[in-house]
């Protein structure tokens, strides 16, 4: 069965898991981990993406992110492509570093945020990279040590988490640590990392009970949340997909978007496709990228090739184009 497309929306919380190809190591040294964190921090700050939790393991990593205006697929493409190129170049290596498709589960924030923070931050202890909660407190490659105040990461959100445990930082850290320690005996939790309907029902027993009571929940393996949350997310996604399909069925394509940009901005169509840093060209290109990616569903890689600019530049153009459209009340149709 083919895998469903990823689900995303501004403000959505995602539990992301990325593994090395054939489960091989993606971090050989602290230098690798430090480079990865530096690169990730720059991308998160640049895209205004919130990071609540993270953990780097030898052959995989976990992230808990809340997206801003930039889609999660764009953020991960920048991170994974950039790190893989650096990793290969530093070792005169060729070939893929990561599995082709990262795993992303959209999460119901109110119900699962703290559970996921704890689950992700306990990964190094479960994998025996550290031997105790005391060692985890000082482990530099998990967000737990940042929440405990041992390290500073400008791109990791700590206040929002700690305020859930208390108004005073010292007390909040003690309560947070106690919460984490209480989760040590839980081991691996499939309800947080996989299972679709089983997750939504609260495990096999919960699912069995609900079916005995005649309750059937809506579920999706890409979403972690109750049935109502799953339904709301899928309906919202359906609206977005329907809009894209409708535009395509009416004959909309990238060239017609360029023509509309040309009319609205009062420039020649050739200038929309031109390479240059003149403001009118940058603005036109940004509006084109925004409508092509967000409205028509065109891939950023295809736009990158046609416009002859990098994927990160396309990503920034989409964000800029959205602002231009809103500020000027521009409409594609």
Protein backbone atom coordinates (compact mmCIF):
# COMPACT_ATOMS: atom_id res chain seq x y z
CA UNK A 1 0.00 0.00 0.00
CA UNK A 2 1.49 3.40 -0.95
CA UNK A 3 2.27 5.75 1.89
CA UNK A 4 0.03 8.78 2.33
CA UNK A 5 1.34 12.25 1.71
CA UNK A 6 2.63 14.12 4.74
CA UNK A 7 0.19 16.27 6.63
CA UNK A 8 1.20 19.76 7.69
CA UNK A 9 -0.32 23.08 8.69
CA UNK A 10 1.02 26.27 10.21
CA UNK A 11 1.30 25.79 13.96
CA UNK A 12 1.20 21.98 13.77
CA UNK A 13 3.36 19.91 16.12
CA UNK A 14 5.33 17.06 14.54
CA UNK A 15 7.24 14.14 16.02
CA UNK A 16 9.95 13.50 13.43
CA UNK A 17 12.17 10.43 13.22
CA UNK A 18 15.04 10.06 10.76
CA UNK A 19 17.22 6.96 10.35
CA UNK A 20 20.44 6.29 8.52
CA UNK A 21 20.16 4.20 5.39
CA UNK A 22 20.24 0.50 6.27
CA UNK A 23 20.34 1.69 9.89
CA UNK A 24 23.96 2.80 9.47
CA UNK A 25 25.54 5.49 11.62
CA UNK A 26 24.82 9.09 10.69
CA UNK A 27 26.97 10.51 13.51
CA UNK A 28 30.51 9.14 13.90
CA UNK A 29 31.81 11.76 16.31
CA UNK A 30 30.93 14.74 18.48
CA UNK A 31 32.16 16.93 15.62
CA UNK A 32 29.42 15.43 13.42
CA UNK A 33 26.79 16.02 16.08
CA UNK A 34 27.96 19.59 16.72
CA UNK A 35 27.87 20.41 13.02
CA UNK A 36 24.38 18.94 12.69
CA UNK A 37 23.08 20.95 15.66
CA UNK A 38 24.64 24.17 14.35
CA UNK A 39 23.04 23.64 10.95
CA UNK A 40 19.69 22.69 12.46
CA UNK A 41 19.71 25.70 14.78
CA UNK A 42 20.26 28.10 11.89
CA UNK A 43 17.42 26.56 9.89
CA UNK A 44 14.98 26.57 12.80
CA UNK A 45 15.70 30.20 13.61
CA UNK A 46 15.55 31.21 9.94
CA UNK A 47 12.15 29.50 9.43
CA UNK A 48 10.74 30.50 12.84
CA UNK A 49 10.20 26.84 13.69
CA UNK A 50 9.84 25.92 17.37
CA UNK A 51 11.79 22.96 18.74
CA UNK A 52 10.47 21.44 21.98
CA UNK A 53 12.56 18.27 22.15
CA UNK A 54 15.36 16.46 20.33
CA UNK A 55 17.79 13.58 20.73
CA UNK A 56 20.69 12.49 18.54
CA UNK A 57 21.43 8.76 18.46
CA UNK A 58 24.25 7.07 16.53
CA UNK A 59 22.06 5.95 13.62
CA UNK A 60 18.93 8.09 13.97
CA UNK A 61 17.48 11.19 15.60
CA UNK A 62 14.17 12.47 16.99
CA UNK A 63 12.75 16.00 16.81
CA UNK A 64 9.57 17.55 18.20
CA UNK A 65 8.81 20.66 16.16
CA UNK A 66 6.00 23.17 15.80
CA UNK A 67 6.03 24.61 12.31
CA UNK A 68 5.67 28.29 11.52
CA UNK A 69 5.04 29.53 8.01
CA UNK A 70 7.50 27.11 6.36
CA UNK A 71 6.27 23.54 5.71
CA UNK A 72 7.93 20.70 7.60
CA UNK A 73 9.01 19.05 4.34
CA UNK A 74 10.98 22.16 3.38
CA UNK A 75 12.67 22.38 6.77
CA UNK A 76 13.69 18.72 6.70
CA UNK A 77 14.86 18.88 3.10
CA UNK A 78 17.21 21.73 3.94
CA UNK A 79 18.49 19.99 7.06
CA UNK A 80 18.98 16.51 5.64
CA UNK A 81 20.38 17.58 2.26
CA UNK A 82 22.82 20.05 3.78
CA UNK A 83 24.09 17.66 6.44
CA UNK A 84 24.39 14.72 4.02
CA UNK A 85 26.45 16.80 1.58
CA UNK A 86 28.76 17.94 4.39
CA UNK A 87 29.06 14.41 5.82
CA UNK A 88 29.92 12.90 2.43
CA UNK A 89 32.32 15.67 1.47
CA UNK A 90 34.21 15.44 4.76
CA UNK A 91 34.79 11.72 4.16
CA UNK A 92 35.14 11.62 0.36
CA UNK A 93 32.01 9.49 0.50
CA UNK A 94 29.24 9.09 -2.08
CA UNK A 95 25.67 7.89 -1.89
CA UNK A 96 22.65 8.30 0.37
CA UNK A 97 23.09 8.90 4.09
CA UNK A 98 19.44 8.82 5.23
CA UNK A 99 16.49 6.62 4.47
CA UNK A 100 14.59 8.12 1.58
CA UNK A 101 11.61 9.24 3.62
CA UNK A 102 11.65 10.67 7.11
CA UNK A 103 8.78 9.75 9.41
CA UNK A 104 6.56 12.58 10.60
CA UNK A 105 3.56 12.24 12.92
CA UNK A 106 1.34 15.27 13.40
CA UNK A 107 0.45 15.44 17.10
CA UNK A 108 -2.43 16.77 19.17
CA UNK A 109 -0.49 19.28 21.23
CA UNK A 110 -2.69 19.56 24.32
CA UNK A 111 -2.77 15.81 24.90
CA UNK A 112 0.67 14.67 23.83
CA UNK A 113 3.23 17.50 24.08
CA UNK A 114 4.71 16.60 27.47
CA UNK A 115 4.53 12.86 26.84
CA UNK A 116 6.52 13.31 23.65
CA UNK A 117 9.07 15.63 25.26
CA UNK A 118 9.72 12.98 27.91
CA UNK A 119 9.74 10.06 25.45
CA UNK A 120 12.20 11.76 23.08
CA UNK A 121 14.53 12.97 25.82
CA UNK A 122 14.74 9.51 27.38
CA UNK A 123 16.07 7.97 24.16
CA UNK A 124 19.77 8.17 25.19
CA UNK A 125 18.98 6.41 28.49
CA UNK A 126 16.91 3.68 26.82
CA UNK A 127 19.74 3.11 24.32
CA UNK A 128 22.32 3.10 27.16
CA UNK A 129 24.28 6.02 25.77
CA UNK A 130 24.06 7.25 29.35
CA UNK A 131 23.72 5.05 32.43
CA UNK A 132 21.49 7.16 34.66
CA UNK A 133 19.19 10.15 34.88
CA UNK A 134 22.12 12.05 36.41
CA UNK A 135 24.23 11.42 33.30
CA UNK A 136 21.26 12.37 31.11
CA UNK A 137 21.08 15.72 32.91
CA UNK A 138 24.53 16.55 31.52
CA UNK A 139 24.29 14.75 28.15
CA UNK A 140 24.88 17.41 25.46
CA UNK A 141 23.08 15.66 22.59
CA UNK A 142 19.55 15.63 23.96
CA UNK A 143 17.29 18.59 24.69
CA UNK A 144 16.80 17.36 28.25
CA UNK A 145 20.08 18.95 29.40
CA UNK A 146 18.99 22.28 27.91
CA UNK A 147 15.70 22.16 29.83
CA UNK A 148 17.72 21.38 32.96
CA UNK A 149 19.77 24.55 32.39
CA UNK A 150 23.07 22.83 31.66
CA UNK A 151 23.33 24.11 28.08
CA UNK A 152 21.97 27.08 26.17
CA UNK A 153 20.32 26.55 22.79
CA UNK A 154 18.75 29.70 21.34
CA UNK A 155 16.64 27.58 18.98
CA UNK A 156 15.16 25.28 21.65
CA UNK A 157 11.96 26.42 23.35
CA UNK A 158 12.30 25.88 27.10
CA UNK A 159 10.05 28.46 28.75
CA UNK A 160 6.88 27.08 27.20
CA UNK A 161 7.65 23.61 28.57
CA UNK A 162 8.91 24.63 32.00
CA UNK A 163 5.92 26.90 32.64
CA UNK A 164 3.76 23.79 32.51
CA UNK A 165 5.55 22.61 35.66
CA UNK A 166 5.70 25.84 37.66
CA UNK A 167 6.12 29.61 37.53
CA UNK A 168 9.56 29.64 39.17
CA UNK A 169 12.42 28.21 37.06
CA UNK A 170 14.12 26.21 39.83
CA UNK A 171 10.88 24.56 40.95
CA UNK A 172 9.79 23.98 37.34
CA UNK A 173 13.05 22.18 36.55
CA UNK A 174 12.71 19.94 39.61
CA UNK A 175 9.15 19.02 38.69
CA UNK A 176 10.08 18.48 35.04
CA UNK A 177 12.98 16.20 36.02
CA UNK A 178 10.69 14.24 38.32
CA UNK A 179 8.23 13.83 35.44
CA UNK A 180 11.02 12.54 33.16
CA UNK A 181 12.30 10.15 35.82
CA UNK A 182 8.83 8.69 36.23
CA UNK A 183 8.87 7.71 32.55
CA UNK A 184 12.06 5.64 32.69
CA UNK A 185 10.21 2.39 33.40
CA UNK A 186 7.84 2.83 30.44
CA UNK A 187 10.40 1.70 27.86
CA UNK A 188 9.60 2.04 24.17
CA UNK A 189 6.07 3.33 23.63
CA UNK A 190 4.51 2.26 20.35
CA UNK A 191 1.53 4.49 21.10
CA UNK A 192 3.81 7.52 20.63
CA UNK A 193 5.85 6.27 17.66
CA UNK A 194 3.45 4.19 15.57
CA UNK A 195 0.14 2.43 15.47
CA UNK A 196 -2.43 4.77 13.93
CA UNK A 197 -5.80 3.60 15.20
CA UNK A 198 -4.18 1.85 18.17
CA UNK A 199 -2.65 5.18 19.24
CA UNK A 200 -5.94 7.02 18.92
CA UNK A 201 -7.81 4.42 20.98
CA UNK A 202 -5.30 4.26 23.82
CA UNK A 203 -3.71 0.91 22.96
CA UNK A 204 -5.11 -2.50 22.04
CA UNK A 205 -7.21 -2.78 25.18
CA UNK A 206 -8.71 0.65 24.62
CA UNK A 207 -9.46 -0.21 21.01
CA UNK A 208 -11.10 -3.51 21.96
CA UNK A 209 -13.24 -1.84 24.62
CA UNK A 210 -14.41 0.90 22.27
CA UNK A 211 -15.39 -1.66 19.62
CA UNK A 212 -17.28 -3.72 22.20
CA UNK A 213 -19.17 -0.55 23.08
CA UNK A 214 -19.96 0.01 19.42
CA UNK A 215 -17.62 3.00 19.06
CA UNK A 216 -15.53 3.24 15.91
CA UNK A 217 -12.89 5.91 15.78
CA UNK A 218 -11.50 7.68 12.78
CA UNK A 219 -7.72 7.24 12.60
CA UNK A 220 -4.68 7.87 10.45
CA UNK A 221 -1.14 6.57 10.95
CA UNK A 222 0.23 10.06 10.21
CA UNK A 223 -1.65 11.63 13.14
CA UNK A 224 -1.35 11.19 16.92
CA UNK A 225 -4.55 12.29 18.57
CA UNK A 226 -8.15 11.44 19.37
CA UNK A 227 -10.78 10.76 16.75
CA UNK A 228 -12.11 14.34 16.64
CA UNK A 229 -8.60 15.74 16.19
CA UNK A 230 -7.88 13.24 13.39
CA UNK A 231 -11.12 14.21 11.64
CA UNK A 232 -10.40 17.95 11.90
CA UNK A 233 -6.89 17.56 10.49
CA UNK A 234 -7.99 15.34 7.61
CA UNK A 235 -10.86 17.66 6.69
CA UNK A 236 -8.51 20.65 6.70
CA UNK A 237 -6.01 18.77 4.53
CA UNK A 238 -8.78 17.67 2.17
CA UNK A 239 -9.75 21.30 1.61
CA UNK A 240 -6.17 22.15 0.69
CA UNK A 241 -5.83 19.22 -1.71
CA UNK A 242 -9.18 19.95 -3.32
CA UNK A 243 -8.11 23.54 -4.04
CA UNK A 244 -4.94 22.36 -5.77
CA UNK A 245 -6.81 19.74 -7.78
CA UNK A 246 -9.46 22.25 -8.77
CA UNK A 247 -6.84 24.70 -10.07
CA UNK A 248 -5.19 21.96 -12.13
CA UNK A 249 -8.50 20.78 -13.54
CA UNK A 250 -9.16 24.34 -14.72
CA UNK A 251 -5.86 24.35 -16.62
CA UNK A 252 -3.77 26.33 -14.16
CA UNK A 253 -0.03 25.75 -14.50
CA UNK A 254 3.20 27.53 -13.60
CA UNK A 255 3.26 29.55 -16.83
CA UNK A 256 -0.24 30.87 -16.17
CA UNK A 257 0.80 31.79 -12.64
CA UNK A 258 3.73 33.74 -14.12
CA UNK A 259 1.30 35.54 -16.45
CA UNK A 260 -0.92 36.50 -13.49
CA UNK A 261 2.12 37.77 -11.55
CA UNK A 262 3.10 39.79 -14.61
CA UNK A 263 -0.35 41.44 -14.79
CA UNK A 264 -0.60 42.18 -11.09
CA UNK A 265 2.90 43.59 -10.72
CA UNK A 266 2.98 45.44 -14.03
CA UNK A 267 6.15 43.82 -15.38
CA UNK A 268 6.98 41.70 -18.40
CA UNK A 269 6.56 37.92 -18.09
CA UNK A 270 10.26 37.57 -18.97
CA UNK A 271 11.12 39.53 -15.82
CA UNK A 272 9.15 37.10 -13.67
CA UNK A 273 11.52 34.34 -14.80
CA UNK A 274 14.63 36.52 -14.83
CA UNK A 275 17.67 35.97 -12.64
CA UNK A 276 18.62 39.03 -10.66
CA UNK A 277 18.49 40.85 -7.35
CA UNK A 278 16.49 43.87 -8.49
CA UNK A 279 13.60 44.30 -6.08
CA UNK A 280 10.84 44.00 -8.70
CA UNK A 281 12.32 40.73 -9.98
CA UNK A 282 12.76 39.31 -6.46
CA UNK A 283 9.18 40.23 -5.53
CA UNK A 284 7.73 38.76 -8.71
CA UNK A 285 9.73 35.57 -8.32
CA UNK A 286 8.60 35.28 -4.69
CA UNK A 287 4.92 35.63 -5.58
CA UNK A 288 5.35 33.03 -8.32
CA UNK A 289 6.99 30.60 -5.88
CA UNK A 290 4.30 31.11 -3.24
CA UNK A 291 1.38 30.45 -5.57
CA UNK A 292 3.11 27.60 -7.38
CA UNK A 293 4.06 25.75 -4.19
CA UNK A 294 1.21 26.56 -1.81
CA UNK A 295 -1.71 26.92 -4.24
CA UNK A 296 -0.83 24.58 -7.11
CA UNK A 297 1.28 22.03 -5.23
CA UNK A 298 4.33 22.31 -7.49
CA UNK A 299 7.48 20.75 -6.01
CA UNK A 300 10.21 23.11 -4.87
CA UNK A 301 12.84 21.03 -6.67
CA UNK A 302 11.16 21.54 -10.05
CA UNK A 303 10.89 25.29 -9.41
CA UNK A 304 14.52 25.33 -8.35
CA UNK A 305 15.57 23.86 -11.68
CA UNK A 306 13.39 26.16 -13.73
CA UNK A 307 14.29 29.35 -11.88
CA UNK A 308 17.94 28.29 -11.56
CA UNK A 309 18.11 29.12 -7.87
CA UNK A 310 18.75 26.90 -4.84
CA UNK A 311 16.14 25.05 -2.80
CA UNK A 312 16.76 27.26 0.27
CA UNK A 313 16.20 30.31 -1.96
CA UNK A 314 12.90 28.82 -3.16
CA UNK A 315 11.85 28.20 0.44
CA UNK A 316 12.57 31.81 1.42
CA UNK A 317 10.77 33.05 -1.68
CA UNK A 318 7.62 31.15 -0.73
CA UNK A 319 7.55 32.85 2.67
CA UNK A 320 8.26 36.26 1.13
CA UNK A 321 5.64 35.69 -1.57
CA UNK A 322 2.95 34.90 0.99
CA UNK A 323 3.62 38.24 2.69
CA UNK A 324 3.52 40.10 -0.63
CA UNK A 325 0.18 38.48 -1.53
CA UNK A 326 -1.33 39.35 1.86
CA UNK A 327 0.01 42.92 1.93
CA UNK A 328 -1.34 43.70 -1.54
CA UNK A 329 -4.48 41.51 -1.44
CA UNK A 330 -3.25 39.70 -4.55
CA UNK A 331 -5.26 36.65 -5.62
CA UNK A 332 -4.21 33.93 -8.03
CA UNK A 333 -7.78 33.54 -9.35
